[in-house]
Amino acid sequence: MTWTTAILAGVILAILVARAVWILRAEARSEDGGRPRGISPGRGYTEIESDYSSGVGGGSQLTTRVPKDPQEYARTFVPKRRRPDRR
């Protein structure tokens, strides 16, 4: 490796690091990173539909209901044997 190649590699590396720092700082300035994330809390459910088709005639369709209430959403991750019995 010659000195010219080493200097050129160093300059390219410095440019890449500076660009990465610039992008991270720009995303940190905005609260949501420029992208909306999640859904607003509330009542009801958000339905997510997923379809799969194998192309040979088979496939499946699945609809998942996700609660908008944060507490109800968190309860879905508690194992059933640990949930208090609500009646």
C-alpha atoms as a PDB file:
ATOM      1  CA  MET A   1       0.000   0.000   0.000  1.00  0.00           C
ATOM      2  CA  THR A   2       1.479   3.316  -1.020  1.00  0.00           C
ATOM      3  CA  TRP A   3       1.172   6.550   0.922  1.00  0.00           C
ATOM      4  CA  THR A   4      -1.248   7.937  -1.654  1.00  0.00           C
ATOM      5  CA  THR A   5      -3.556   4.948  -1.277  1.00  0.00           C
ATOM      6  CA  ALA A   6      -3.422   5.154   2.513  1.00  0.00           C
ATOM      7  CA  ILE A   7      -4.242   8.874   2.480  1.00  0.00           C
ATOM      8  CA  LEU A   8      -7.082   8.339   0.005  1.00  0.00           C
ATOM      9  CA  ALA A   9      -8.514   5.513   2.146  1.00  0.00           C
ATOM     10  CA  GLY A  10      -8.294   7.752   5.221  1.00  0.00           C
ATOM     11  CA  VAL A  11     -10.096  10.606   3.477  1.00  0.00           C
ATOM     12  CA  ILE A  12     -12.876   8.289   2.262  1.00  0.00           C
ATOM     13  CA  LEU A  13     -13.246   6.809   5.747  1.00  0.00           C
ATOM     14  CA  ALA A  14     -13.407  10.296   7.295  1.00  0.00           C
ATOM     15  CA  ILE A  15     -16.111  11.342   4.799  1.00  0.00           C
ATOM     16  CA  LEU A  16     -18.187   8.233   5.598  1.00  0.00           C
ATOM     17  CA  VAL A  17     -17.893   8.770   9.358  1.00  0.00           C
ATOM     18  CA  ALA A  18     -18.788  12.469   9.012  1.00  0.00           C
ATOM     19  CA  ARG A  19     -21.828  11.591   6.890  1.00  0.00           C
ATOM     20  CA  ALA A  20     -23.017   9.014   9.452  1.00  0.00           C
ATOM     21  CA  VAL A  21     -22.678  11.549  12.286  1.00  0.00           C
ATOM     22  CA  TRP A  22     -24.538  14.160  10.234  1.00  0.00           C
ATOM     23  CA  ILE A  23     -27.441  11.761   9.564  1.00  0.00           C
ATOM     24  CA  LEU A  24     -27.675  10.700  13.222  1.00  0.00           C
ATOM     25  CA  ARG A  25     -27.709  14.308  14.432  1.00  0.00           C
ATOM     26  CA  ALA A  26     -30.359  15.287  11.864  1.00  0.00           C
ATOM     27  CA  GLU A  27     -32.628  12.419  12.986  1.00  0.00           C
ATOM     28  CA  ALA A  28     -32.098  13.253  16.655  1.00  0.00           C
ATOM     29  CA  ARG A  29     -33.273  16.847  16.124  1.00  0.00           C
ATOM     30  CA  SER A  30     -36.782  15.843  15.124  1.00  0.00           C
ATOM     31  CA  GLU A  31     -38.802  14.147  17.835  1.00  0.00           C
ATOM     32  CA  ASP A  32     -40.152  11.326  15.676  1.00  0.00           C
ATOM     33  CA  GLY A  33     -37.226  11.020  13.291  1.00  0.00           C
ATOM     34  CA  GLY A  34     -39.360  12.368  10.461  1.00  0.00           C
ATOM     35  CA  ARG A  35     -41.592   9.299  10.466  1.00  0.00           C
ATOM     36  CA  PRO A  36     -44.898   8.730  12.194  1.00  0.00           C
ATOM     37  CA  ARG A  37     -44.626   5.750  14.523  1.00  0.00           C
ATOM     38  CA  GLY A  38     -47.386   3.607  15.914  1.00  0.00           C
ATOM     39  CA  ILE A  39     -50.993   4.633  16.352  1.00  0.00           C
ATOM     40  CA  SER A  40     -52.655   7.088  18.676  1.00  0.00           C
ATOM     41  CA  PRO A  41     -54.048   5.529  21.870  1.00  0.00           C
ATOM     42  CA  GLY A  42     -57.806   5.222  22.103  1.00  0.00           C
ATOM     43  CA  ARG A  43     -60.637   2.741  22.053  1.00  0.00           C
ATOM     44  CA  GLY A  44     -61.286  -0.064  19.645  1.00  0.00           C
ATOM     45  CA  TYR A  45     -58.942  -2.074  17.499  1.00  0.00           C
ATOM     46  CA  THR A  46     -56.730  -1.692  14.470  1.00  0.00           C
ATOM     47  CA  GLU A  47     -57.158  -4.573  12.036  1.00  0.00           C
ATOM     48  CA  ILE A  48     -54.133  -5.836  10.157  1.00  0.00           C
ATOM     49  CA  GLU A  49     -54.792  -8.143   7.215  1.00  0.00           C
ATOM     50  CA  SER A  50     -52.181 -10.427   5.713  1.00  0.00           C
ATOM     51  CA  ASP A  51     -52.749 -12.488   2.603  1.00  0.00           C
ATOM     52  CA  TYR A  52     -50.596 -15.273   1.252  1.00  0.00           C
ATOM     53  CA  SER A  53     -50.979 -16.976  -2.083  1.00  0.00           C
ATOM     54  CA  SER A  54     -48.645 -19.726  -3.196  1.00  0.00           C
ATOM     55  CA  GLY A  55     -49.552 -19.226  -6.842  1.00  0.00           C
ATOM     56  CA  VAL A  56     -50.637 -22.861  -7.211  1.00  0.00           C
ATOM     57  CA  GLY A  57     -54.089 -22.400  -5.768  1.00  0.00           C
ATOM     58  CA  GLY A  58     -53.185 -22.540  -2.095  1.00  0.00           C
ATOM     59  CA  GLY A  59     -52.778 -19.751   0.362  1.00  0.00           C
ATOM     60  CA  SER A  60     -54.221 -18.192   3.463  1.00  0.00           C
ATOM     61  CA  GLN A  61     -55.654 -14.991   4.844  1.00  0.00           C
ATOM     62  CA  LEU A  62     -55.200 -13.797   8.417  1.00  0.00           C
ATOM     63  CA  THR A  63     -56.760 -10.805  10.162  1.00  0.00           C
ATOM     64  CA  THR A  64     -55.153  -9.653  13.403  1.00  0.00           C
ATOM     65  CA  ARG A  65     -56.902  -7.219  15.754  1.00  0.00           C
ATOM     66  CA  VAL A  66     -54.528  -5.011  17.737  1.00  0.00           C
ATOM     67  CA  PRO A  67     -56.060  -3.025  20.626  1.00  0.00           C
ATOM     68  CA  LYS A  68     -55.513   0.747  20.613  1.00  0.00           C
ATOM     69  CA  ASP A  69     -55.577   0.906  24.420  1.00  0.00           C
ATOM     70  CA  PRO A  70     -51.947   0.634  25.652  1.00  0.00           C
ATOM     71  CA  GLN A  71     -52.931  -1.261  28.823  1.00  0.00           C
ATOM     72  CA  GLU A  72     -55.009  -3.801  26.932  1.00  0.00           C
ATOM     73  CA  TYR A  73     -52.180  -4.213  24.406  1.00  0.00           C
ATOM     74  CA  ALA A  74     -49.693  -4.851  27.231  1.00  0.00           C
ATOM     75  CA  ARG A  75     -52.027  -7.442  28.812  1.00  0.00           C
ATOM     76  CA  THR A  76     -51.876  -9.539  25.630  1.00  0.00           C
ATOM     77  CA  PHE A  77     -48.232 -10.332  26.435  1.00  0.00           C
ATOM     78  CA  VAL A  78     -48.948 -11.628  29.956  1.00  0.00           C
ATOM     79  CA  PRO A  79     -49.144 -15.445  30.021  1.00  0.00           C
ATOM     80  CA  LYS A  80     -52.664 -16.750  30.701  1.00  0.00           C
ATOM     81  CA  ARG A  81     -51.588 -18.551  33.877  1.00  0.00           C
ATOM     82  CA  ARG A  82     -50.446 -15.206  35.348  1.00  0.00           C
ATOM     83  CA  ARG A  83     -53.544 -13.162  34.445  1.00  0.00           C
ATOM     84  CA  PRO A  84     -55.972 -12.356  37.225  1.00  0.00           C
ATOM     85  CA  ASP A  85     -59.340 -13.985  36.650  1.00  0.00           C
ATOM     86  CA  ARG A  86     -61.708 -11.180  35.621  1.00  0.00           C
ATOM     87  CA  ARG A  87     -65.425 -11.866  35.578  1.00  0.00           C
END
